[in-house]
Amino acid sequence: MHDTELAQAYLSEIGRWQAMLRGIIEQGVEAKVFRCASPERAARQIFALAMGYAGGLGSSGDSVGVRGSRLLIDKQS
């Protein structure tokens, strides 16, 4: 983005959505509804799927692409 203020607002909104998703995941883990090794990464993955950004599925800094990614939430029986 060329507009710094708009870019900062956009990144702030993304952060808020991902924090909300992470909180929901953490509550589910605490309630033993499901297991999740990394609520932060799972929140990023869910957000990326919802927004249609397949490239966002790998965590930042790693080379895992869509084909190598798997959602890190397992529903408990």
N, C-alpha and C. Protein backbone atom coordinates (compact mmCIF):
# COMPACT_ATOMS: atom_id res chain seq x y z
N MET A 1 0.84 -1.18 0.00
CA MET A 1 0.00 0.00 0.00
C MET A 1 0.88 1.24 0.00
N HIS A 2 0.41 2.23 -0.66
CA HIS A 2 1.18 3.47 -0.74
C HIS A 2 0.79 4.45 0.35
N ASP A 3 -0.36 4.29 0.95
CA ASP A 3 -0.83 5.18 2.00
C ASP A 3 -0.46 4.59 3.36
N THR A 4 0.52 5.17 4.02
CA THR A 4 1.04 4.64 5.28
C THR A 4 -0.04 4.56 6.35
N GLU A 5 -0.86 5.57 6.46
CA GLU A 5 -1.92 5.59 7.47
C GLU A 5 -2.94 4.47 7.23
N LEU A 6 -3.32 4.29 5.98
CA LEU A 6 -4.26 3.23 5.62
C LEU A 6 -3.65 1.86 5.87
N ALA A 7 -2.39 1.70 5.52
CA ALA A 7 -1.70 0.42 5.74
C ALA A 7 -1.64 0.08 7.22
N GLN A 8 -1.36 1.07 8.06
CA GLN A 8 -1.30 0.84 9.51
C GLN A 8 -2.67 0.47 10.06
N ALA A 9 -3.71 1.13 9.59
CA ALA A 9 -5.07 0.82 10.03
C ALA A 9 -5.46 -0.60 9.61
N TYR A 10 -5.10 -0.97 8.40
CA TYR A 10 -5.40 -2.32 7.89
C TYR A 10 -4.69 -3.38 8.72
N LEU A 11 -3.41 -3.19 8.99
CA LEU A 11 -2.66 -4.15 9.80
C LEU A 11 -3.19 -4.22 11.22
N SER A 12 -3.65 -3.11 11.74
CA SER A 12 -4.24 -3.09 13.08
C SER A 12 -5.52 -3.92 13.11
N GLU A 13 -6.35 -3.78 12.10
CA GLU A 13 -7.59 -4.57 12.02
C GLU A 13 -7.29 -6.06 11.90
N ILE A 14 -6.33 -6.40 11.08
CA ILE A 14 -5.93 -7.81 10.95
C ILE A 14 -5.50 -8.35 12.30
N GLY A 15 -4.71 -7.57 13.02
CA GLY A 15 -4.25 -7.99 14.35
C GLY A 15 -5.39 -8.21 15.31
N ARG A 16 -6.39 -7.33 15.25
CA ARG A 16 -7.56 -7.48 16.14
C ARG A 16 -8.34 -8.75 15.83
N TRP A 17 -8.58 -9.02 14.54
CA TRP A 17 -9.30 -10.23 14.15
C TRP A 17 -8.53 -11.48 14.57
N GLN A 18 -7.24 -11.48 14.33
CA GLN A 18 -6.45 -12.65 14.70
C GLN A 18 -6.41 -12.84 16.21
N ALA A 19 -6.36 -11.76 16.97
CA ALA A 19 -6.38 -11.86 18.43
C ALA A 19 -7.71 -12.42 18.91
N MET A 20 -8.81 -12.01 18.27
CA MET A 20 -10.11 -12.53 18.64
C MET A 20 -10.18 -14.04 18.37
N LEU A 21 -9.72 -14.45 17.19
CA LEU A 21 -9.72 -15.87 16.85
C LEU A 21 -8.83 -16.66 17.81
N ARG A 22 -7.66 -16.13 18.13
CA ARG A 22 -6.75 -16.79 19.07
C ARG A 22 -7.44 -16.97 20.43
N GLY A 23 -8.16 -15.96 20.88
CA GLY A 23 -8.88 -16.04 22.15
C GLY A 23 -9.94 -17.12 22.14
N ILE A 24 -10.67 -17.22 21.03
CA ILE A 24 -11.70 -18.27 20.90
C ILE A 24 -11.04 -19.65 20.95
N ILE A 25 -9.93 -19.80 20.24
CA ILE A 25 -9.22 -21.07 20.22
C ILE A 25 -8.71 -21.41 21.61
N GLU A 26 -8.12 -20.44 22.29
CA GLU A 26 -7.60 -20.68 23.64
C GLU A 26 -8.72 -21.07 24.60
N GLN A 27 -9.90 -20.45 24.47
CA GLN A 27 -11.03 -20.82 25.31
C GLN A 27 -11.47 -22.25 25.03
N GLY A 28 -11.47 -22.63 23.77
CA GLY A 28 -11.83 -24.00 23.40
C GLY A 28 -10.85 -25.02 23.95
N VAL A 29 -9.57 -24.66 23.93
CA VAL A 29 -8.54 -25.54 24.48
C VAL A 29 -8.72 -25.67 25.99
N GLU A 30 -8.95 -24.55 26.66
CA GLU A 30 -9.15 -24.57 28.11
C GLU A 30 -10.38 -25.38 28.50
N ALA A 31 -11.43 -25.32 27.67
CA ALA A 31 -12.66 -26.05 27.94
C ALA A 31 -12.56 -27.51 27.49
N LYS A 32 -11.40 -27.88 26.93
CA LYS A 32 -11.15 -29.23 26.42
C LYS A 32 -12.12 -29.63 25.31
N VAL A 33 -12.54 -28.63 24.51
CA VAL A 33 -13.37 -28.88 23.35
C VAL A 33 -12.51 -29.40 22.20
N PHE A 34 -11.30 -28.87 22.10
CA PHE A 34 -10.34 -29.34 21.11
C PHE A 34 -8.94 -29.06 21.60
N ARG A 35 -7.96 -29.63 20.89
CA ARG A 35 -6.54 -29.42 21.21
C ARG A 35 -5.94 -28.54 20.13
N CYS A 36 -4.97 -27.76 20.52
CA CYS A 36 -4.28 -26.91 19.55
C CYS A 36 -2.90 -26.60 20.11
N ALA A 37 -1.88 -27.00 19.36
CA ALA A 37 -0.50 -26.78 19.81
C ALA A 37 -0.11 -25.31 19.73
N SER A 38 -0.67 -24.57 18.79
CA SER A 38 -0.30 -23.16 18.62
C SER A 38 -1.53 -22.33 18.25
N PRO A 39 -2.26 -21.82 19.25
CA PRO A 39 -3.43 -21.00 18.94
C PRO A 39 -3.12 -19.79 18.05
N GLU A 40 -1.95 -19.21 18.22
CA GLU A 40 -1.58 -18.05 17.38
C GLU A 40 -1.48 -18.45 15.91
N ARG A 41 -0.80 -19.56 15.64
CA ARG A 41 -0.65 -20.00 14.26
C ARG A 41 -1.99 -20.45 13.68
N ALA A 42 -2.78 -21.16 14.48
CA ALA A 42 -4.10 -21.59 14.01
C ALA A 42 -4.98 -20.39 13.68
N ALA A 43 -4.92 -19.35 14.51
CA ALA A 43 -5.69 -18.13 14.24
C ALA A 43 -5.26 -17.50 12.92
N ARG A 44 -3.96 -17.47 12.67
CA ARG A 44 -3.44 -16.93 11.40
C ARG A 44 -3.96 -17.75 10.23
N GLN A 45 -3.97 -19.08 10.40
CA GLN A 45 -4.43 -19.95 9.32
C GLN A 45 -5.91 -19.76 9.03
N ILE A 46 -6.71 -19.72 10.08
CA ILE A 46 -8.15 -19.53 9.90
C ILE A 46 -8.43 -18.18 9.24
N PHE A 47 -7.73 -17.14 9.70
CA PHE A 47 -7.91 -15.82 9.11
C PHE A 47 -7.52 -15.84 7.63
N ALA A 48 -6.41 -16.49 7.32
CA ALA A 48 -5.96 -16.56 5.93
C ALA A 48 -6.99 -17.29 5.07
N LEU A 49 -7.53 -18.37 5.58
CA LEU A 49 -8.56 -19.10 4.84
C LEU A 49 -9.80 -18.23 4.63
N ALA A 50 -10.22 -17.56 5.68
CA ALA A 50 -11.40 -16.72 5.59
C ALA A 50 -11.21 -15.57 4.60
N MET A 51 -10.02 -15.04 4.54
CA MET A 51 -9.74 -13.92 3.65
C MET A 51 -9.32 -14.38 2.25
N GLY A 52 -9.10 -15.67 2.08
CA GLY A 52 -8.74 -16.19 0.78
C GLY A 52 -7.27 -16.05 0.43
N TYR A 53 -6.42 -15.87 1.45
CA TYR A 53 -4.99 -15.71 1.22
C TYR A 53 -4.28 -17.04 1.46
N ALA A 54 -4.20 -17.87 0.46
CA ALA A 54 -3.57 -19.17 0.62
C ALA A 54 -2.10 -19.03 1.01
N GLY A 55 -1.44 -17.98 0.57
CA GLY A 55 -0.04 -17.77 0.91
C GLY A 55 0.19 -17.49 2.38
N GLY A 56 -0.85 -17.11 3.11
CA GLY A 56 -0.72 -16.81 4.52
C GLY A 56 -0.82 -18.04 5.42
N LEU A 57 -0.95 -19.23 4.83
CA LEU A 57 -1.13 -20.42 5.64
C LEU A 57 0.14 -20.84 6.35
N GLY A 58 1.29 -20.67 5.74
CA GLY A 58 2.54 -20.99 6.42
C GLY A 58 2.86 -19.90 7.43
N SER A 59 3.50 -20.26 8.52
CA SER A 59 3.84 -19.23 9.49
C SER A 59 4.94 -18.35 8.92
N SER A 60 5.00 -17.13 9.39
CA SER A 60 6.01 -16.22 8.86
C SER A 60 7.40 -16.75 9.18
N GLY A 61 8.24 -16.69 8.21
CA GLY A 61 9.61 -17.14 8.42
C GLY A 61 9.85 -18.59 8.04
N ASP A 62 8.78 -19.34 7.79
CA ASP A 62 9.04 -20.72 7.37
C ASP A 62 8.63 -20.88 5.92
N SER A 63 8.99 -21.99 5.34
CA SER A 63 8.74 -22.19 3.92
C SER A 63 7.57 -23.12 3.67
N VAL A 64 6.74 -23.35 4.68
CA VAL A 64 5.60 -24.24 4.51
C VAL A 64 4.55 -23.53 3.67
N GLY A 65 4.19 -24.14 2.57
CA GLY A 65 3.16 -23.58 1.71
C GLY A 65 1.83 -24.25 1.96
N VAL A 66 0.89 -23.98 1.09
CA VAL A 66 -0.45 -24.54 1.23
C VAL A 66 -0.41 -26.06 1.24
N ARG A 67 0.37 -26.66 0.35
CA ARG A 67 0.41 -28.11 0.26
C ARG A 67 1.00 -28.75 1.52
N GLY A 68 1.88 -28.04 2.22
CA GLY A 68 2.50 -28.59 3.41
C GLY A 68 1.83 -28.18 4.71
N SER A 69 0.81 -27.34 4.61
CA SER A 69 0.15 -26.86 5.82
C SER A 69 -1.00 -27.76 6.20
N ARG A 70 -1.26 -27.79 7.48
CA ARG A 70 -2.46 -28.44 7.97
C ARG A 70 -2.96 -27.62 9.14
N LEU A 71 -4.26 -27.55 9.28
CA LEU A 71 -4.82 -26.79 10.38
C LEU A 71 -4.44 -27.47 11.68
N LEU A 72 -4.00 -26.69 12.65
CA LEU A 72 -3.42 -27.23 13.86
C LEU A 72 -4.42 -27.37 15.00
N ILE A 73 -5.69 -27.59 14.67
CA ILE A 73 -6.70 -27.80 15.70
C ILE A 73 -7.28 -29.19 15.51
N ASP A 74 -7.30 -29.97 16.57
CA ASP A 74 -7.88 -31.30 16.56
C ASP A 74 -9.07 -31.30 17.50
N LYS A 75 -10.24 -31.67 16.98
CA LYS A 75 -11.43 -31.76 17.83
C LYS A 75 -11.29 -32.98 18.72
N GLN A 76 -11.53 -32.80 20.00
CA GLN A 76 -11.45 -33.92 20.94
C GLN A 76 -12.76 -34.67 20.93
N SER A 77 -12.67 -35.96 21.20
CA SER A 77 -13.88 -36.82 21.23
C SER A 77 -14.67 -36.58 22.48
